[in-house]
PDB file of N, CA and C in Angstrom:
ATOM      1  N   UNK A   1       2.815  57.557   9.257  1.00  0.00           N
ATOM      2  CA  UNK A   1       3.294  56.525  10.151  1.00  0.00           C
ATOM      3  C   UNK A   1       4.800  56.715  10.308  1.00  0.00           C
ATOM      4  N   UNK A   2       5.215  56.729  11.546  1.00  0.00           N
ATOM      5  CA  UNK A   2       6.627  56.973  11.817  1.00  0.00           C
ATOM      6  C   UNK A   2       7.441  55.692  11.654  1.00  0.00           C
ATOM      7  N   UNK A   3       8.732  55.881  11.582  1.00  0.00           N
ATOM      8  CA  UNK A   3       9.644  54.754  11.444  1.00  0.00           C
ATOM      9  C   UNK A   3       9.541  53.830  12.646  1.00  0.00           C
ATOM     10  N   UNK A   4       9.351  54.396  13.828  1.00  0.00           N
ATOM     11  CA  UNK A   4       9.236  53.600  15.059  1.00  0.00           C
ATOM     12  C   UNK A   4       7.984  52.735  15.032  1.00  0.00           C
ATOM     13  N   UNK A   5       6.866  53.327  14.613  1.00  0.00           N
ATOM     14  CA  UNK A   5       5.616  52.574  14.507  1.00  0.00           C
ATOM     15  C   UNK A   5       5.743  51.452  13.492  1.00  0.00           C
ATOM     16  N   UNK A   6       6.338  51.766  12.378  1.00  0.00           N
ATOM     17  CA  UNK A   6       6.528  50.771  11.331  1.00  0.00           C
ATOM     18  C   UNK A   6       7.414  49.621  11.832  1.00  0.00           C
ATOM     19  N   UNK A   7       8.446  49.976  12.567  1.00  0.00           N
ATOM     20  CA  UNK A   7       9.334  48.961  13.142  1.00  0.00           C
ATOM     21  C   UNK A   7       8.590  48.045  14.101  1.00  0.00           C
ATOM     22  N   UNK A   8       7.726  48.635  14.939  1.00  0.00           N
ATOM     23  CA  UNK A   8       6.930  47.830  15.879  1.00  0.00           C
ATOM     24  C   UNK A   8       5.983  46.894  15.140  1.00  0.00           C
ATOM     25  N   UNK A   9       5.341  47.407  14.105  1.00  0.00           N
ATOM     26  CA  UNK A   9       4.400  46.581  13.331  1.00  0.00           C
ATOM     27  C   UNK A   9       5.124  45.431  12.634  1.00  0.00           C
ATOM     28  N   UNK A  10       6.274  45.712  12.076  1.00  0.00           N
ATOM     29  CA  UNK A  10       7.064  44.674  11.404  1.00  0.00           C
ATOM     30  C   UNK A  10       7.495  43.620  12.412  1.00  0.00           C
ATOM     31  N   UNK A  11       7.909  44.063  13.597  1.00  0.00           N
ATOM     32  CA  UNK A  11       8.323  43.124  14.647  1.00  0.00           C
ATOM     33  C   UNK A  11       7.151  42.227  15.054  1.00  0.00           C
ATOM     34  N   UNK A  12       5.963  42.816  15.232  1.00  0.00           N
ATOM     35  CA  UNK A  12       4.771  42.029  15.564  1.00  0.00           C
ATOM     36  C   UNK A  12       4.449  41.035  14.456  1.00  0.00           C
ATOM     37  N   UNK A  13       4.537  41.506  13.223  1.00  0.00           N
ATOM     38  CA  UNK A  13       4.240  40.649  12.076  1.00  0.00           C
ATOM     39  C   UNK A  13       5.241  39.498  11.989  1.00  0.00           C
ATOM     40  N   UNK A  14       6.505  39.780  12.247  1.00  0.00           N
ATOM     41  CA  UNK A  14       7.523  38.725  12.232  1.00  0.00           C
ATOM     42  C   UNK A  14       7.220  37.678  13.290  1.00  0.00           C
ATOM     43  N   UNK A  15       6.769  38.139  14.468  1.00  0.00           N
ATOM     44  CA  UNK A  15       6.402  37.214  15.542  1.00  0.00           C
ATOM     45  C   UNK A  15       5.243  36.327  15.141  1.00  0.00           C
ATOM     46  N   UNK A  16       4.243  36.903  14.490  1.00  0.00           N
ATOM     47  CA  UNK A  16       3.092  36.117  14.028  1.00  0.00           C
ATOM     48  C   UNK A  16       3.502  35.102  12.967  1.00  0.00           C
ATOM     49  N   UNK A  17       4.355  35.520  12.036  1.00  0.00           N
ATOM     50  CA  UNK A  17       4.831  34.613  10.989  1.00  0.00           C
ATOM     51  C   UNK A  17       5.606  33.453  11.610  1.00  0.00           C
ATOM     52  N   UNK A  18       6.431  33.749  12.586  1.00  0.00           N
ATOM     53  CA  UNK A  18       7.199  32.696  13.278  1.00  0.00           C
ATOM     54  C   UNK A  18       6.244  31.714  13.962  1.00  0.00           C
ATOM     55  N   UNK A  19       5.216  32.228  14.629  1.00  0.00           N
ATOM     56  CA  UNK A  19       4.235  31.358  15.275  1.00  0.00           C
ATOM     57  C   UNK A  19       3.541  30.455  14.261  1.00  0.00           C
ATOM     58  N   UNK A  20       3.166  31.033  13.128  1.00  0.00           N
ATOM     59  CA  UNK A  20       2.493  30.254  12.077  1.00  0.00           C
ATOM     60  C   UNK A  20       3.429  29.182  11.532  1.00  0.00           C
ATOM     61  N   UNK A  21       4.680  29.536  11.281  1.00  0.00           N
ATOM     62  CA  UNK A  21       5.653  28.568  10.764  1.00  0.00           C
ATOM     63  C   UNK A  21       5.857  27.415  11.746  1.00  0.00           C
ATOM     64  N   UNK A  22       5.986  27.730  13.027  1.00  0.00           N
ATOM     65  CA  UNK A  22       6.178  26.693  14.034  1.00  0.00           C
ATOM     66  C   UNK A  22       4.944  25.803  14.138  1.00  0.00           C
ATOM     67  N   UNK A  23       3.776  26.407  14.125  1.00  0.00           N
ATOM     68  CA  UNK A  23       2.526  25.646  14.201  1.00  0.00           C
ATOM     69  C   UNK A  23       2.361  24.754  12.976  1.00  0.00           C
ATOM     70  N   UNK A  24       2.688  25.289  11.802  1.00  0.00           N
ATOM     71  CA  UNK A  24       2.582  24.521  10.561  1.00  0.00           C
ATOM     72  C   UNK A  24       3.536  23.327  10.584  1.00  0.00           C
ATOM     73  N   UNK A  25       4.763  23.557  11.020  1.00  0.00           N
ATOM     74  CA  UNK A  25       5.743  22.477  11.104  1.00  0.00           C
ATOM     75  C   UNK A  25       5.283  21.381  12.053  1.00  0.00           C
ATOM     76  N   UNK A  26       4.719  21.773  13.194  1.00  0.00           N
ATOM     77  CA  UNK A  26       4.231  20.796  14.168  1.00  0.00           C
ATOM     78  C   UNK A  26       3.053  20.017  13.600  1.00  0.00           C
ATOM     79  N   UNK A  27       2.175  20.694  12.863  1.00  0.00           N
ATOM     80  CA  UNK A  27       1.025  20.015  12.255  1.00  0.00           C
ATOM     81  C   UNK A  27       1.474  18.995  11.218  1.00  0.00           C
ATOM     82  N   UNK A  28       2.428  19.373  10.393  1.00  0.00           N
ATOM     83  CA  UNK A  28       2.945  18.450   9.380  1.00  0.00           C
ATOM     84  C   UNK A  28       3.582  17.235  10.048  1.00  0.00           C
ATOM     85  N   UNK A  29       4.329  17.465  11.117  1.00  0.00           N
ATOM     86  CA  UNK A  29       4.970  16.366  11.847  1.00  0.00           C
ATOM     87  C   UNK A  29       3.920  15.418  12.414  1.00  0.00           C
ATOM     88  N   UNK A  30       2.853  15.973  13.026  1.00  0.00           N
ATOM     89  CA  UNK A  30       1.786  15.121  13.573  1.00  0.00           C
ATOM     90  C   UNK A  30       1.084  14.344  12.468  1.00  0.00           C
ATOM     91  N   UNK A  31       0.820  14.993  11.351  1.00  0.00           N
ATOM     92  CA  UNK A  31       0.183  14.296  10.230  1.00  0.00           C
ATOM     93  C   UNK A  31       1.062  13.163   9.703  1.00  0.00           C
ATOM     94  N   UNK A  32       2.355  13.411   9.609  1.00  0.00           N
ATOM     95  CA  UNK A  32       3.272  12.378   9.129  1.00  0.00           C
ATOM     96  C   UNK A  32       3.294  11.191  10.091  1.00  0.00           C
ATOM     97  N   UNK A  33       3.326  11.453  11.389  1.00  0.00           N
ATOM     98  CA  UNK A  33       3.322  10.368  12.382  1.00  0.00           C
ATOM     99  C   UNK A  33       2.022   9.569  12.293  1.00  0.00           C
ATOM    100  N   UNK A  34       0.902  10.249  12.153  1.00  0.00           N
ATOM    101  CA  UNK A  34      -0.389   9.551  12.052  1.00  0.00           C
ATOM    102  C   UNK A  34      -0.471   8.736  10.778  1.00  0.00           C
ATOM    103  N   UNK A  35       0.081   9.260   9.704  1.00  0.00           N
ATOM    104  CA  UNK A  35       0.092   8.533   8.435  1.00  0.00           C
ATOM    105  C   UNK A  35       0.906   7.247   8.565  1.00  0.00           C
ATOM    106  N   UNK A  36       2.081   7.352   9.169  1.00  0.00           N
ATOM    107  CA  UNK A  36       2.929   6.173   9.358  1.00  0.00           C
ATOM    108  C   UNK A  36       2.233   5.174  10.270  1.00  0.00           C
ATOM    109  N   UNK A  37       1.600   5.658  11.325  1.00  0.00           N
ATOM    110  CA  UNK A  37       0.864   4.781  12.241  1.00  0.00           C
ATOM    111  C   UNK A  37      -0.236   4.028  11.484  1.00  0.00           C
ATOM    112  N   UNK A  38      -0.982   4.741  10.661  1.00  0.00           N
ATOM    113  CA  UNK A  38      -2.057   4.114   9.883  1.00  0.00           C
ATOM    114  C   UNK A  38      -1.512   3.072   8.919  1.00  0.00           C
ATOM    115  N   UNK A  39      -0.382   3.368   8.297  1.00  0.00           N
ATOM    116  CA  UNK A  39       0.225   2.406   7.367  1.00  0.00           C
ATOM    117  C   UNK A  39       0.650   1.136   8.098  1.00  0.00           C
ATOM    118  N   UNK A  40       1.213   1.291   9.295  1.00  0.00           N
ATOM    119  CA  UNK A  40       1.626   0.116  10.065  1.00  0.00           C
ATOM    120  C   UNK A  40       0.417  -0.722  10.481  1.00  0.00           C
ATOM    121  N   UNK A  41      -0.628  -0.066  10.943  1.00  0.00           N
ATOM    122  CA  UNK A  41      -1.839  -0.781  11.344  1.00  0.00           C
ATOM    123  C   UNK A  41      -2.456  -1.475  10.137  1.00  0.00           C
ATOM    124  N   UNK A  42      -2.524  -0.795   9.008  1.00  0.00           N
ATOM    125  CA  UNK A  42      -3.093  -1.377   7.796  1.00  0.00           C
ATOM    126  C   UNK A  42      -2.322  -2.626   7.385  1.00  0.00           C
ATOM    127  N   UNK A  43      -1.016  -2.561   7.447  1.00  0.00           N
ATOM    128  CA  UNK A  43      -0.192  -3.710   7.086  1.00  0.00           C
ATOM    129  C   UNK A  43      -0.466  -4.892   8.010  1.00  0.00           C
ATOM    130  N   UNK A  44      -0.586  -4.621   9.303  1.00  0.00           N
ATOM    131  CA  UNK A  44      -0.890  -5.680  10.261  1.00  0.00           C
ATOM    132  C   UNK A  44      -2.273  -6.269  10.017  1.00  0.00           C
ATOM    133  N   UNK A  45      -3.249  -5.429   9.702  1.00  0.00           N
ATOM    134  CA  UNK A  45      -4.596  -5.915   9.426  1.00  0.00           C
ATOM    135  C   UNK A  45      -4.640  -6.783   8.172  1.00  0.00           C
ATOM    136  N   UNK A  46      -3.938  -6.360   7.128  1.00  0.00           N
ATOM    137  CA  UNK A  46      -3.901  -7.142   5.892  1.00  0.00           C
ATOM    138  C   UNK A  46      -3.298  -8.516   6.162  1.00  0.00           C
ATOM    139  N   UNK A  47      -2.172  -8.538   6.880  1.00  0.00           N
ATOM    140  CA  UNK A  47      -1.538  -9.814   7.209  1.00  0.00           C
ATOM    141  C   UNK A  47      -2.466 -10.677   8.058  1.00  0.00           C
ATOM    142  N   UNK A  48      -3.135 -10.062   9.034  1.00  0.00           N
ATOM    143  CA  UNK A  48      -4.037 -10.805   9.910  1.00  0.00           C
ATOM    144  C   UNK A  48      -5.221 -11.394   9.172  1.00  0.00           C
ATOM    145  N   UNK A  49      -5.822 -10.624   8.277  1.00  0.00           N
ATOM    146  CA  UNK A  49      -6.974 -11.123   7.515  1.00  0.00           C
ATOM    147  C   UNK A  49      -6.548 -12.268   6.591  1.00  0.00           C
ATOM    148  N   UNK A  50      -5.404 -12.116   5.941  1.00  0.00           N
ATOM    149  CA  UNK A  50      -4.924 -13.200   5.074  1.00  0.00           C
ATOM    150  C   UNK A  50      -4.628 -14.459   5.883  1.00  0.00           C
ATOM    151  N   UNK A  51      -4.065 -14.313   7.075  1.00  0.00           N
ATOM    152  CA  UNK A  51      -3.786 -15.450   7.949  1.00  0.00           C
ATOM    153  C   UNK A  51      -5.097 -16.093   8.394  1.00  0.00           C
ATOM    154  N   UNK A  52      -6.083 -15.279   8.738  1.00  0.00           N
ATOM    155  CA  UNK A  52      -7.394 -15.781   9.148  1.00  0.00           C
ATOM    156  C   UNK A  52      -8.071 -16.537   8.010  1.00  0.00           C
ATOM    157  N   UNK A  53      -7.977 -16.029   6.792  1.00  0.00           N
ATOM    158  CA  UNK A  53      -8.573 -16.712   5.639  1.00  0.00           C
ATOM    159  C   UNK A  53      -7.952 -18.083   5.429  1.00  0.00           C
ATOM    160  N   UNK A  54      -6.641 -18.162   5.573  1.00  0.00           N
ATOM    161  CA  UNK A  54      -5.960 -19.451   5.410  1.00  0.00           C
ATOM    162  C   UNK A  54      -6.390 -20.415   6.512  1.00  0.00           C
ATOM    163  N   UNK A  55      -6.531 -19.932   7.726  1.00  0.00           N
ATOM    164  CA  UNK A  55      -6.976 -20.765   8.841  1.00  0.00           C
ATOM    165  C   UNK A  55      -8.393 -21.273   8.638  1.00  0.00           C
ATOM    166  N   UNK A  56      -9.275 -20.409   8.162  1.00  0.00           N
ATOM    167  CA  UNK A  56     -10.661 -20.820   7.892  1.00  0.00           C
ATOM    168  C   UNK A  56     -10.700 -21.900   6.815  1.00  0.00           C
ATOM    169  N   UNK A  57      -9.880 -21.762   5.797  1.00  0.00           N
ATOM    170  CA  UNK A  57      -9.842 -22.768   4.729  1.00  0.00           C
ATOM    171  C   UNK A  57      -9.394 -24.108   5.300  1.00  0.00           C
ATOM    172  N   UNK A  58      -8.421 -24.110   6.192  1.00  0.00           N
ATOM    173  CA  UNK A  58      -7.958 -25.367   6.808  1.00  0.00           C
ATOM    174  C   UNK A  58      -9.041 -25.985   7.685  1.00  0.00           C
ATOM    175  N   UNK A  59      -9.762 -25.163   8.434  1.00  0.00           N
ATOM    176  CA  UNK A  59     -10.848 -25.677   9.285  1.00  0.00           C
ATOM    177  C   UNK A  59     -11.932 -26.309   8.426  1.00  0.00           C
ATOM    178  N   UNK A  60     -12.342 -25.604   7.377  1.00  0.00           N
ATOM    179  CA  UNK A  60     -13.374 -26.148   6.486  1.00  0.00           C
ATOM    180  C   UNK A  60     -12.911 -27.455   5.844  1.00  0.00           C
ATOM    181  N   UNK A  61     -11.671 -27.486   5.434  1.00  0.00           N
ATOM    182  CA  UNK A  61     -11.116 -28.686   4.824  1.00  0.00           C
ATOM    183  C   UNK A  61     -11.113 -29.836   5.839  1.00  0.00           C
ATOM    184  N   UNK A  62     -10.793 -29.547   7.068  1.00  0.00           N
ATOM    185  CA  UNK A  62     -10.773 -30.566   8.118  1.00  0.00           C
ATOM    186  C   UNK A  62     -12.157 -31.187   8.312  1.00  0.00           C
ATOM    187  N   UNK A  63     -13.197 -30.392   8.192  1.00  0.00           N
ATOM    188  CA  UNK A  63     -14.554 -30.890   8.342  1.00  0.00           C
ATOM    189  C   UNK A  63     -15.133 -31.419   7.040  1.00  0.00           C
ATOM    190  N   UNK A  64     -14.335 -31.446   6.013  1.00  0.00           N
ATOM    191  CA  UNK A  64     -14.779 -31.977   4.729  1.00  0.00           C
ATOM    192  C   UNK A  64     -15.698 -31.043   3.960  1.00  0.00           C
ATOM    193  N   UNK A  65     -15.639 -29.786   4.280  1.00  0.00           N
ATOM    194  CA  UNK A  65     -16.472 -28.800   3.588  1.00  0.00           C
ATOM    195  C   UNK A  65     -15.637 -28.101   2.520  1.00  0.00           C
ATOM    196  N   UNK A  66     -16.290 -27.690   1.448  1.00  0.00           N
ATOM    197  CA  UNK A  66     -15.528 -26.970   0.424  1.00  0.00           C
ATOM    198  C   UNK A  66     -15.110 -25.602   0.956  1.00  0.00           C
ATOM    199  N   UNK A  67     -13.898 -25.194   0.657  1.00  0.00           N
ATOM    200  CA  UNK A  67     -13.443 -23.893   1.158  1.00  0.00           C
ATOM    201  C   UNK A  67     -14.193 -22.739   0.499  1.00  0.00           C
ATOM    202  N   UNK A  68     -14.343 -21.694   1.243  1.00  0.00           N
ATOM    203  CA  UNK A  68     -14.954 -20.478   0.717  1.00  0.00           C
ATOM    204  C   UNK A  68     -13.858 -19.743  -0.044  1.00  0.00           C
ATOM    205  N   UNK A  69     -14.092 -19.408  -1.301  1.00  0.00           N
ATOM    206  CA  UNK A  69     -13.018 -18.737  -2.050  1.00  0.00           C
ATOM    207  C   UNK A  69     -12.811 -17.297  -1.562  1.00  0.00           C
ATOM    208  N   UNK A  70     -11.614 -17.035  -1.113  1.00  0.00           N
ATOM    209  CA  UNK A  70     -11.218 -15.700  -0.689  1.00  0.00           C
ATOM    210  C   UNK A  70     -10.065 -15.245  -1.565  1.00  0.00           C
ATOM    211  N   UNK A  71     -10.101 -14.008  -1.954  1.00  0.00           N
ATOM    212  CA  UNK A  71      -8.947 -13.427  -2.635  1.00  0.00           C
ATOM    213  C   UNK A  71      -8.062 -12.814  -1.559  1.00  0.00           C
ATOM    214  N   UNK A  72      -6.778 -13.087  -1.599  1.00  0.00           N
ATOM    215  CA  UNK A  72      -5.900 -12.463  -0.592  1.00  0.00           C
ATOM    216  C   UNK A  72      -5.954 -10.944  -0.703  1.00  0.00           C
ATOM    217  N   UNK A  73      -5.896 -10.317   0.437  1.00  0.00           N
ATOM    218  CA  UNK A  73      -5.892  -8.854   0.469  1.00  0.00           C
ATOM    219  C   UNK A  73      -4.451  -8.388   0.304  1.00  0.00           C
ATOM    220  N   UNK A  74      -4.261  -7.372  -0.516  1.00  0.00           N
ATOM    221  CA  UNK A  74      -2.923  -6.827  -0.747  1.00  0.00           C
ATOM    222  C   UNK A  74      -2.938  -5.324  -0.518  1.00  0.00           C
ATOM    223  N   UNK A  75      -1.797  -4.812  -0.139  1.00  0.00           N
ATOM    224  CA  UNK A  75      -1.654  -3.368   0.034  1.00  0.00           C
ATOM    225  C   UNK A  75      -1.772  -2.706  -1.347  1.00  0.00           C
ATOM    226  N   UNK A  76      -2.380  -1.545  -1.432  1.00  0.00           N
ATOM    227  CA  UNK A  76      -2.491  -0.866  -2.720  1.00  0.00           C
ATOM    228  C   UNK A  76      -1.123  -0.440  -3.243  1.00  0.00           C
ATOM    229  N   UNK A  77      -0.995  -0.480  -4.552  1.00  0.00           N
ATOM    230  CA  UNK A  77       0.258  -0.049  -5.173  1.00  0.00           C
ATOM    231  C   UNK A  77       0.276   1.470  -5.282  1.00  0.00           C
ATOM    232  N   UNK A  78       1.438   2.018  -5.561  1.00  0.00           N
ATOM    233  CA  UNK A  78       1.560   3.468  -5.744  1.00  0.00           C
ATOM    234  C   UNK A  78       0.690   3.936  -6.907  1.00  0.00           C
ATOM    235  N   UNK A  79       0.605   3.125  -7.957  1.00  0.00           N
ATOM    236  CA  UNK A  79      -0.209   3.483  -9.126  1.00  0.00           C
ATOM    237  C   UNK A  79      -1.686   3.551  -8.753  1.00  0.00           C
ATOM    238  N   UNK A  80      -2.157   2.613  -7.926  1.00  0.00           N
ATOM    239  CA  UNK A  80      -3.560   2.628  -7.501  1.00  0.00           C
ATOM    240  C   UNK A  80      -3.849   3.872  -6.654  1.00  0.00           C
ATOM    241  N   UNK A  81      -2.923   4.216  -5.788  1.00  0.00           N
ATOM    242  CA  UNK A  81      -3.093   5.412  -4.964  1.00  0.00           C
ATOM    243  C   UNK A  81      -3.116   6.658  -5.840  1.00  0.00           C
ATOM    244  N   UNK A  82      -2.206   6.734  -6.812  1.00  0.00           N
ATOM    245  CA  UNK A  82      -2.177   7.874  -7.738  1.00  0.00           C
ATOM    246  C   UNK A  82      -3.484   7.989  -8.509  1.00  0.00           C
ATOM    247  N   UNK A  83      -4.037   6.857  -8.932  1.00  0.00           N
ATOM    248  CA  UNK A  83      -5.296   6.883  -9.693  1.00  0.00           C
ATOM    249  C   UNK A  83      -6.434   7.439  -8.834  1.00  0.00           C
ATOM    250  N   UNK A  84      -6.494   7.050  -7.572  1.00  0.00           N
ATOM    251  CA  UNK A  84      -7.539   7.569  -6.685  1.00  0.00           C
ATOM    252  C   UNK A  84      -7.348   9.067  -6.474  1.00  0.00           C
ATOM    253  N   UNK A  85      -6.116   9.492  -6.258  1.00  0.00           N
ATOM    254  CA  UNK A  85      -5.865  10.924  -6.084  1.00  0.00           C
ATOM    255  C   UNK A  85      -6.255  11.725  -7.310  1.00  0.00           C
ATOM    256  N   UNK A  86      -5.993  11.191  -8.490  1.00  0.00           N
ATOM    257  CA  UNK A  86      -6.370  11.880  -9.721  1.00  0.00           C
ATOM    258  C   UNK A  86      -7.876  11.960  -9.867  1.00  0.00           C
ATOM    259  N   UNK A  87      -8.578  10.896  -9.467  1.00  0.00           N
ATOM    260  CA  UNK A  87     -10.045  10.900  -9.560  1.00  0.00           C
ATOM    261  C   UNK A  87     -10.671  11.919  -8.611  1.00  0.00           C
ATOM    262  N   UNK A  88     -10.015  12.184  -7.485  1.00  0.00           N
ATOM    263  CA  UNK A  88     -10.553  13.117  -6.498  1.00  0.00           C
ATOM    264  C   UNK A  88     -10.373  14.568  -6.917  1.00  0.00           C
ATOM    265  N   UNK A  89      -9.455  14.842  -7.834  1.00  0.00           N
ATOM    266  CA  UNK A  89      -9.230  16.242  -8.200  1.00  0.00           C
ATOM    267  C   UNK A  89      -9.970  16.618  -9.443  1.00  0.00           C
TER     268      UNK A  89
END
């Protein structure tokens, strides 16, 4: 294999590596955006469900019915997330 051929192959390989790096960076960016989006939606849902539970308790109380016991929903802690990740591996 001549030096010229080797140079061409290296140039092609560098181009492929650059494409992979750019694609990987874009994928990580999209995943990060989707993760943040999911976290925001989850936070809104947790707040909404807790607000709905409080409203239901007030309605039941207004009609003289015993409230249905609900535990407030909370966002998972970092420790809980770590425990799930450890269980999966």
